[in-house]
Amino acid sequence: MATSTVEYLGGLRTSCTHLASNTKIITDAPIDNNGKGEAFSPTDLVATSYASCMITIMGIYCENHDVKFTSAHATIEKIMGANPRRISKIVIEMDLTGNNWDDKTADKVIHAGKACPVAKTLGDNVEVEFIFKH
């Protein structure tokens, strides 16, 4: 069964539809690659998906281990490389301070998040730097 569809809208813009929910995301080519930069670029979504996936897996870990999880905020920086053009590095700064975890709990939750499906998919193809506050 299909997961999503993508339709070209012209002007280097696409409309992506999640079929199960009919949720839509517009993408636009970035300014540094002939676009307007008025929406997420496809590579922005990859970098953002990494942090979103981590937070989701952290939530699942916490639910399965009776750990309170009420707060997570991530800021993502995507760094592009050239020849070929690609994501060369993702920097994820994640603030988990609102959960009041001890160091042992924080380490376990963070470890679970770092093993998320997006991380496993990207593997060693992209350098990832993490900055955690907990």
N, C-alpha and C. Protein backbone atom coordinates (compact mmCIF):
# COMPACT_ATOMS: atom_id res chain seq x y z
N MET A 1 0.84 -1.18 0.00
CA MET A 1 0.00 0.00 0.00
C MET A 1 0.89 1.24 0.00
N ALA A 2 0.54 2.21 -0.79
CA ALA A 2 1.32 3.45 -0.90
C ALA A 2 1.24 4.25 0.39
N THR A 3 2.31 4.94 0.70
CA THR A 3 2.40 5.79 1.88
C THR A 3 2.02 7.23 1.56
N SER A 4 2.50 7.71 0.41
CA SER A 4 2.31 9.11 0.09
C SER A 4 2.35 9.32 -1.42
N THR A 5 1.97 10.53 -1.80
CA THR A 5 2.10 10.95 -3.19
C THR A 5 2.81 12.29 -3.22
N VAL A 6 3.45 12.58 -4.34
CA VAL A 6 4.11 13.86 -4.54
C VAL A 6 3.68 14.39 -5.91
N GLU A 7 3.24 15.63 -5.92
CA GLU A 7 2.81 16.28 -7.15
C GLU A 7 3.65 17.52 -7.40
N TYR A 8 4.17 17.65 -8.61
CA TYR A 8 4.94 18.84 -8.97
C TYR A 8 3.98 19.98 -9.24
N LEU A 9 4.21 21.12 -8.59
CA LEU A 9 3.34 22.28 -8.73
C LEU A 9 3.91 23.34 -9.67
N GLY A 10 5.15 23.11 -10.11
CA GLY A 10 5.83 24.11 -10.93
C GLY A 10 6.70 24.99 -10.06
N GLY A 11 7.63 25.67 -10.67
CA GLY A 11 8.49 26.60 -9.92
C GLY A 11 9.32 25.92 -8.86
N LEU A 12 9.70 24.66 -9.08
CA LEU A 12 10.53 23.88 -8.15
C LEU A 12 9.83 23.61 -6.82
N ARG A 13 8.49 23.53 -6.85
CA ARG A 13 7.69 23.29 -5.66
C ARG A 13 6.90 22.00 -5.83
N THR A 14 6.74 21.25 -4.73
CA THR A 14 5.92 20.04 -4.76
C THR A 14 4.90 20.08 -3.63
N SER A 15 3.85 19.29 -3.81
CA SER A 15 2.87 19.06 -2.76
C SER A 15 2.93 17.58 -2.43
N CYS A 16 3.21 17.28 -1.19
CA CYS A 16 3.33 15.90 -0.72
C CYS A 16 2.12 15.59 0.15
N THR A 17 1.47 14.46 -0.13
CA THR A 17 0.28 14.09 0.62
C THR A 17 0.48 12.75 1.31
N HIS A 18 0.25 12.72 2.61
CA HIS A 18 0.26 11.48 3.39
C HIS A 18 -1.11 10.85 3.19
N LEU A 19 -1.14 9.68 2.57
CA LEU A 19 -2.41 9.11 2.14
C LEU A 19 -3.33 8.69 3.28
N ALA A 20 -2.79 8.19 4.37
CA ALA A 20 -3.65 7.72 5.46
C ALA A 20 -4.38 8.87 6.15
N SER A 21 -3.77 10.05 6.19
CA SER A 21 -4.37 11.18 6.91
C SER A 21 -4.77 12.34 6.01
N ASN A 22 -4.31 12.31 4.77
CA ASN A 22 -4.50 13.40 3.82
C ASN A 22 -3.79 14.69 4.24
N THR A 23 -2.81 14.58 5.13
CA THR A 23 -1.99 15.72 5.53
C THR A 23 -1.07 16.09 4.37
N LYS A 24 -0.89 17.39 4.16
CA LYS A 24 -0.07 17.85 3.05
C LYS A 24 1.13 18.65 3.56
N ILE A 25 2.25 18.48 2.86
CA ILE A 25 3.46 19.27 3.09
C ILE A 25 3.88 19.83 1.75
N ILE A 26 4.16 21.11 1.71
CA ILE A 26 4.69 21.75 0.51
C ILE A 26 6.21 21.80 0.65
N THR A 27 6.92 21.48 -0.42
CA THR A 27 8.36 21.65 -0.43
C THR A 27 8.73 22.65 -1.51
N ASP A 28 9.86 23.30 -1.30
CA ASP A 28 10.37 24.28 -2.24
C ASP A 28 11.87 24.10 -2.32
N ALA A 29 12.42 24.29 -3.49
CA ALA A 29 13.88 24.25 -3.61
C ALA A 29 14.47 25.39 -2.79
N PRO A 30 15.62 25.16 -2.16
CA PRO A 30 16.23 26.23 -1.36
C PRO A 30 16.82 27.33 -2.25
N ILE A 31 17.01 28.48 -1.66
CA ILE A 31 17.55 29.63 -2.39
C ILE A 31 18.90 29.31 -3.02
N ASP A 32 19.74 28.55 -2.30
CA ASP A 32 21.07 28.23 -2.83
C ASP A 32 21.04 27.16 -3.91
N ASN A 33 19.83 26.70 -4.29
CA ASN A 33 19.71 25.71 -5.36
C ASN A 33 18.54 26.06 -6.28
N ASN A 34 18.51 27.33 -6.68
CA ASN A 34 17.57 27.85 -7.69
C ASN A 34 16.13 28.00 -7.23
N GLY A 35 15.86 27.84 -5.94
CA GLY A 35 14.49 27.93 -5.47
C GLY A 35 14.18 29.22 -4.76
N LYS A 36 12.96 29.31 -4.25
CA LYS A 36 12.50 30.48 -3.51
C LYS A 36 12.74 30.35 -2.01
N GLY A 37 12.92 29.11 -1.52
CA GLY A 37 13.14 28.90 -0.10
C GLY A 37 11.94 29.29 0.75
N GLU A 38 10.74 29.15 0.21
CA GLU A 38 9.54 29.57 0.92
C GLU A 38 8.88 28.45 1.71
N ALA A 39 9.47 27.26 1.67
CA ALA A 39 8.94 26.11 2.41
C ALA A 39 10.12 25.18 2.70
N PHE A 40 9.85 24.11 3.45
CA PHE A 40 10.87 23.10 3.65
C PHE A 40 11.39 22.64 2.29
N SER A 41 12.69 22.42 2.19
CA SER A 41 13.23 21.72 1.03
C SER A 41 13.19 20.23 1.35
N PRO A 42 13.30 19.37 0.35
CA PRO A 42 13.33 17.93 0.65
C PRO A 42 14.45 17.56 1.63
N THR A 43 15.61 18.18 1.51
CA THR A 43 16.70 17.85 2.44
C THR A 43 16.44 18.43 3.83
N ASP A 44 15.72 19.55 3.92
CA ASP A 44 15.29 20.05 5.23
C ASP A 44 14.43 19.01 5.93
N LEU A 45 13.55 18.38 5.16
CA LEU A 45 12.66 17.36 5.74
C LEU A 45 13.45 16.16 6.24
N VAL A 46 14.50 15.77 5.52
CA VAL A 46 15.34 14.65 5.98
C VAL A 46 15.95 14.99 7.33
N ALA A 47 16.56 16.16 7.44
CA ALA A 47 17.22 16.56 8.69
C ALA A 47 16.21 16.70 9.82
N THR A 48 15.07 17.30 9.53
CA THR A 48 14.03 17.49 10.53
C THR A 48 13.44 16.15 10.95
N SER A 49 13.28 15.24 9.99
CA SER A 49 12.76 13.91 10.29
C SER A 49 13.65 13.16 11.26
N TYR A 50 14.95 13.38 11.19
CA TYR A 50 15.87 12.72 12.11
C TYR A 50 15.50 13.06 13.55
N ALA A 51 15.37 14.35 13.84
CA ALA A 51 15.04 14.76 15.22
C ALA A 51 13.63 14.33 15.61
N SER A 52 12.68 14.43 14.69
CA SER A 52 11.31 14.01 14.97
C SER A 52 11.26 12.52 15.28
N CYS A 53 11.99 11.72 14.52
CA CYS A 53 12.04 10.28 14.75
C CYS A 53 12.67 9.97 16.12
N MET A 54 13.75 10.67 16.43
CA MET A 54 14.39 10.47 17.74
C MET A 54 13.42 10.73 18.88
N ILE A 55 12.70 11.86 18.81
CA ILE A 55 11.78 12.22 19.87
C ILE A 55 10.65 11.19 19.97
N THR A 56 10.17 10.71 18.84
CA THR A 56 9.12 9.68 18.84
C THR A 56 9.61 8.41 19.52
N ILE A 57 10.81 7.97 19.17
CA ILE A 57 11.36 6.74 19.77
C ILE A 57 11.63 6.95 21.26
N MET A 58 12.07 8.15 21.64
CA MET A 58 12.24 8.45 23.07
C MET A 58 10.91 8.32 23.79
N GLY A 59 9.84 8.83 23.17
CA GLY A 59 8.51 8.71 23.77
C GLY A 59 8.07 7.27 23.93
N ILE A 60 8.33 6.46 22.91
CA ILE A 60 7.99 5.03 23.01
C ILE A 60 8.79 4.37 24.11
N TYR A 61 10.09 4.67 24.17
CA TYR A 61 10.93 4.10 25.23
C TYR A 61 10.36 4.48 26.60
N CYS A 62 10.03 5.75 26.78
CA CYS A 62 9.52 6.22 28.07
C CYS A 62 8.20 5.55 28.42
N GLU A 63 7.31 5.42 27.45
CA GLU A 63 6.03 4.74 27.72
C GLU A 63 6.26 3.29 28.15
N ASN A 64 7.19 2.62 27.49
CA ASN A 64 7.47 1.21 27.80
C ASN A 64 8.22 1.00 29.11
N HIS A 65 8.84 2.07 29.63
CA HIS A 65 9.64 1.94 30.86
C HIS A 65 9.12 2.83 31.99
N ASP A 66 7.87 3.29 31.87
CA ASP A 66 7.25 4.13 32.90
C ASP A 66 8.11 5.32 33.30
N VAL A 67 8.65 5.98 32.30
CA VAL A 67 9.46 7.19 32.52
C VAL A 67 8.62 8.39 32.06
N LYS A 68 8.51 9.39 32.90
CA LYS A 68 7.76 10.60 32.55
C LYS A 68 8.47 11.31 31.40
N PHE A 69 7.73 11.62 30.34
CA PHE A 69 8.29 12.33 29.18
C PHE A 69 7.28 13.39 28.77
N THR A 70 7.56 14.63 29.15
CA THR A 70 6.61 15.71 28.87
C THR A 70 7.21 16.84 28.06
N SER A 71 8.54 16.80 27.84
CA SER A 71 9.16 17.96 27.23
C SER A 71 10.34 17.57 26.34
N ALA A 72 10.31 18.02 25.11
CA ALA A 72 11.44 17.87 24.20
C ALA A 72 11.34 18.97 23.15
N HIS A 73 12.44 19.62 22.88
CA HIS A 73 12.49 20.66 21.86
C HIS A 73 13.82 20.51 21.13
N ALA A 74 13.76 20.37 19.82
CA ALA A 74 14.99 20.20 19.03
C ALA A 74 15.13 21.34 18.04
N THR A 75 16.37 21.79 17.88
CA THR A 75 16.74 22.73 16.84
C THR A 75 17.71 22.00 15.93
N ILE A 76 17.46 22.07 14.63
CA ILE A 76 18.22 21.29 13.67
C ILE A 76 18.94 22.22 12.70
N GLU A 77 20.21 21.93 12.47
CA GLU A 77 20.98 22.62 11.43
C GLU A 77 21.38 21.59 10.39
N LYS A 78 21.06 21.88 9.15
CA LYS A 78 21.43 21.01 8.04
C LYS A 78 22.56 21.69 7.27
N ILE A 79 23.64 20.96 7.06
CA ILE A 79 24.78 21.50 6.33
C ILE A 79 24.94 20.70 5.04
N MET A 80 24.93 21.42 3.94
CA MET A 80 25.03 20.78 2.64
C MET A 80 26.48 20.69 2.18
N GLY A 81 26.78 19.61 1.47
CA GLY A 81 28.07 19.42 0.84
C GLY A 81 27.92 19.52 -0.66
N ALA A 82 29.04 19.49 -1.35
CA ALA A 82 29.04 19.60 -2.81
C ALA A 82 29.80 18.45 -3.43
N ASN A 83 29.54 18.25 -4.72
CA ASN A 83 30.26 17.25 -5.54
C ASN A 83 30.22 15.85 -4.98
N PRO A 84 29.12 15.20 -4.85
CA PRO A 84 27.79 15.65 -5.28
C PRO A 84 27.09 16.44 -4.18
N ARG A 85 26.10 17.23 -4.58
CA ARG A 85 25.29 17.98 -3.61
C ARG A 85 24.55 16.97 -2.75
N ARG A 86 24.68 17.14 -1.43
CA ARG A 86 24.11 16.19 -0.50
C ARG A 86 24.10 16.81 0.90
N ILE A 87 23.41 16.18 1.82
CA ILE A 87 23.51 16.57 3.22
C ILE A 87 24.83 15.99 3.73
N SER A 88 25.73 16.85 4.19
CA SER A 88 27.00 16.36 4.70
C SER A 88 27.01 16.26 6.22
N LYS A 89 26.19 17.09 6.88
CA LYS A 89 26.17 17.07 8.34
C LYS A 89 24.82 17.57 8.84
N ILE A 90 24.37 16.97 9.93
CA ILE A 90 23.18 17.42 10.64
C ILE A 90 23.59 17.66 12.08
N VAL A 91 23.24 18.83 12.60
CA VAL A 91 23.48 19.15 14.00
C VAL A 91 22.12 19.22 14.68
N ILE A 92 21.94 18.41 15.71
CA ILE A 92 20.68 18.37 16.45
C ILE A 92 20.97 18.81 17.88
N GLU A 93 20.36 19.93 18.26
CA GLU A 93 20.44 20.40 19.64
C GLU A 93 19.09 20.13 20.27
N MET A 94 19.09 19.30 21.32
CA MET A 94 17.83 18.87 21.91
C MET A 94 17.79 19.22 23.39
N ASP A 95 16.74 19.94 23.76
CA ASP A 95 16.52 20.33 25.15
C ASP A 95 15.49 19.40 25.77
N LEU A 96 15.93 18.65 26.76
CA LEU A 96 15.09 17.69 27.46
C LEU A 96 14.94 18.06 28.94
N THR A 97 15.30 19.29 29.29
CA THR A 97 15.37 19.69 30.70
C THR A 97 14.05 19.61 31.44
N GLY A 98 12.93 19.78 30.76
CA GLY A 98 11.63 19.78 31.43
C GLY A 98 11.21 18.45 32.01
N ASN A 99 11.97 17.39 31.74
CA ASN A 99 11.60 16.06 32.22
C ASN A 99 12.18 15.73 33.59
N ASN A 100 13.15 16.50 34.03
CA ASN A 100 13.78 16.30 35.35
C ASN A 100 14.32 14.89 35.55
N TRP A 101 14.97 14.35 34.52
CA TRP A 101 15.56 13.02 34.62
C TRP A 101 16.91 13.08 35.30
N ASP A 102 17.26 12.00 36.01
CA ASP A 102 18.63 11.88 36.48
C ASP A 102 19.50 11.48 35.29
N ASP A 103 20.81 11.54 35.46
CA ASP A 103 21.73 11.27 34.35
C ASP A 103 21.57 9.87 33.77
N LYS A 104 21.34 8.89 34.63
CA LYS A 104 21.20 7.51 34.16
C LYS A 104 19.96 7.36 33.26
N THR A 105 18.86 7.94 33.69
CA THR A 105 17.63 7.87 32.89
C THR A 105 17.81 8.62 31.58
N ALA A 106 18.36 9.82 31.65
CA ALA A 106 18.59 10.61 30.43
C ALA A 106 19.45 9.85 29.44
N ASP A 107 20.51 9.21 29.91
CA ASP A 107 21.39 8.44 29.03
C ASP A 107 20.64 7.32 28.33
N LYS A 108 19.77 6.62 29.05
CA LYS A 108 19.00 5.52 28.47
C LYS A 108 18.01 6.03 27.41
N VAL A 109 17.33 7.12 27.73
CA VAL A 109 16.35 7.68 26.79
C VAL A 109 17.05 8.20 25.54
N ILE A 110 18.15 8.90 25.72
CA ILE A 110 18.91 9.43 24.58
C ILE A 110 19.46 8.30 23.73
N HIS A 111 19.96 7.27 24.37
CA HIS A 111 20.47 6.10 23.63
C HIS A 111 19.37 5.49 22.76
N ALA A 112 18.18 5.37 23.32
CA ALA A 112 17.06 4.83 22.55
C ALA A 112 16.76 5.73 21.35
N GLY A 113 16.75 7.03 21.55
CA GLY A 113 16.47 7.97 20.47
C GLY A 113 17.50 7.92 19.36
N LYS A 114 18.75 7.75 19.72
CA LYS A 114 19.83 7.69 18.72
C LYS A 114 19.75 6.43 17.85
N ALA A 115 18.96 5.46 18.27
CA ALA A 115 18.80 4.22 17.50
C ALA A 115 17.50 4.24 16.69
N CYS A 116 16.97 5.41 16.42
CA CYS A 116 15.70 5.52 15.69
C CYS A 116 15.85 5.05 14.24
N PRO A 117 14.74 4.73 13.59
CA PRO A 117 14.80 4.25 12.20
C PRO A 117 15.46 5.22 11.21
N VAL A 118 15.27 6.53 11.38
CA VAL A 118 15.92 7.46 10.46
C VAL A 118 17.43 7.40 10.64
N ALA A 119 17.89 7.32 11.89
CA ALA A 119 19.33 7.20 12.13
C ALA A 119 19.89 5.95 11.49
N LYS A 120 19.17 4.85 11.63
CA LYS A 120 19.64 3.60 11.03
C LYS A 120 19.62 3.66 9.51
N THR A 121 18.66 4.38 8.96
CA THR A 121 18.58 4.52 7.51
C THR A 121 19.72 5.34 6.95
N LEU A 122 20.03 6.45 7.60
CA LEU A 122 21.12 7.30 7.12
C LEU A 122 22.49 6.70 7.41
N GLY A 123 22.57 5.93 8.50
CA GLY A 123 23.82 5.25 8.84
C GLY A 123 25.00 6.18 8.89
N ASP A 124 26.09 5.76 8.27
CA ASP A 124 27.32 6.55 8.27
C ASP A 124 27.41 7.48 7.06
N ASN A 125 26.33 7.63 6.31
CA ASN A 125 26.34 8.48 5.12
C ASN A 125 26.32 9.97 5.44
N VAL A 126 25.87 10.31 6.64
CA VAL A 126 25.78 11.71 7.05
C VAL A 126 26.38 11.84 8.45
N GLU A 127 27.25 12.83 8.63
CA GLU A 127 27.78 13.11 9.97
C GLU A 127 26.67 13.75 10.79
N VAL A 128 26.51 13.29 12.02
CA VAL A 128 25.49 13.85 12.91
C VAL A 128 26.17 14.27 14.21
N GLU A 129 25.93 15.50 14.60
CA GLU A 129 26.43 16.03 15.87
C GLU A 129 25.24 16.27 16.78
N PHE A 130 25.34 15.79 18.01
CA PHE A 130 24.27 15.96 18.98
C PHE A 130 24.72 16.88 20.11
N ILE A 131 23.82 17.72 20.54
CA ILE A 131 24.01 18.57 21.72
C ILE A 131 22.76 18.38 22.56
N PHE A 132 22.92 17.78 23.73
CA PHE A 132 21.76 17.52 24.59
C PHE A 132 21.84 18.36 25.86
N LYS A 133 20.69 18.89 26.26
CA LYS A 133 20.52 19.52 27.56
C LYS A 133 19.50 18.68 28.30
N HIS A 134 19.86 18.21 29.49
CA HIS A 134 18.89 17.41 30.26
C HIS A 134 19.07 17.61 31.73
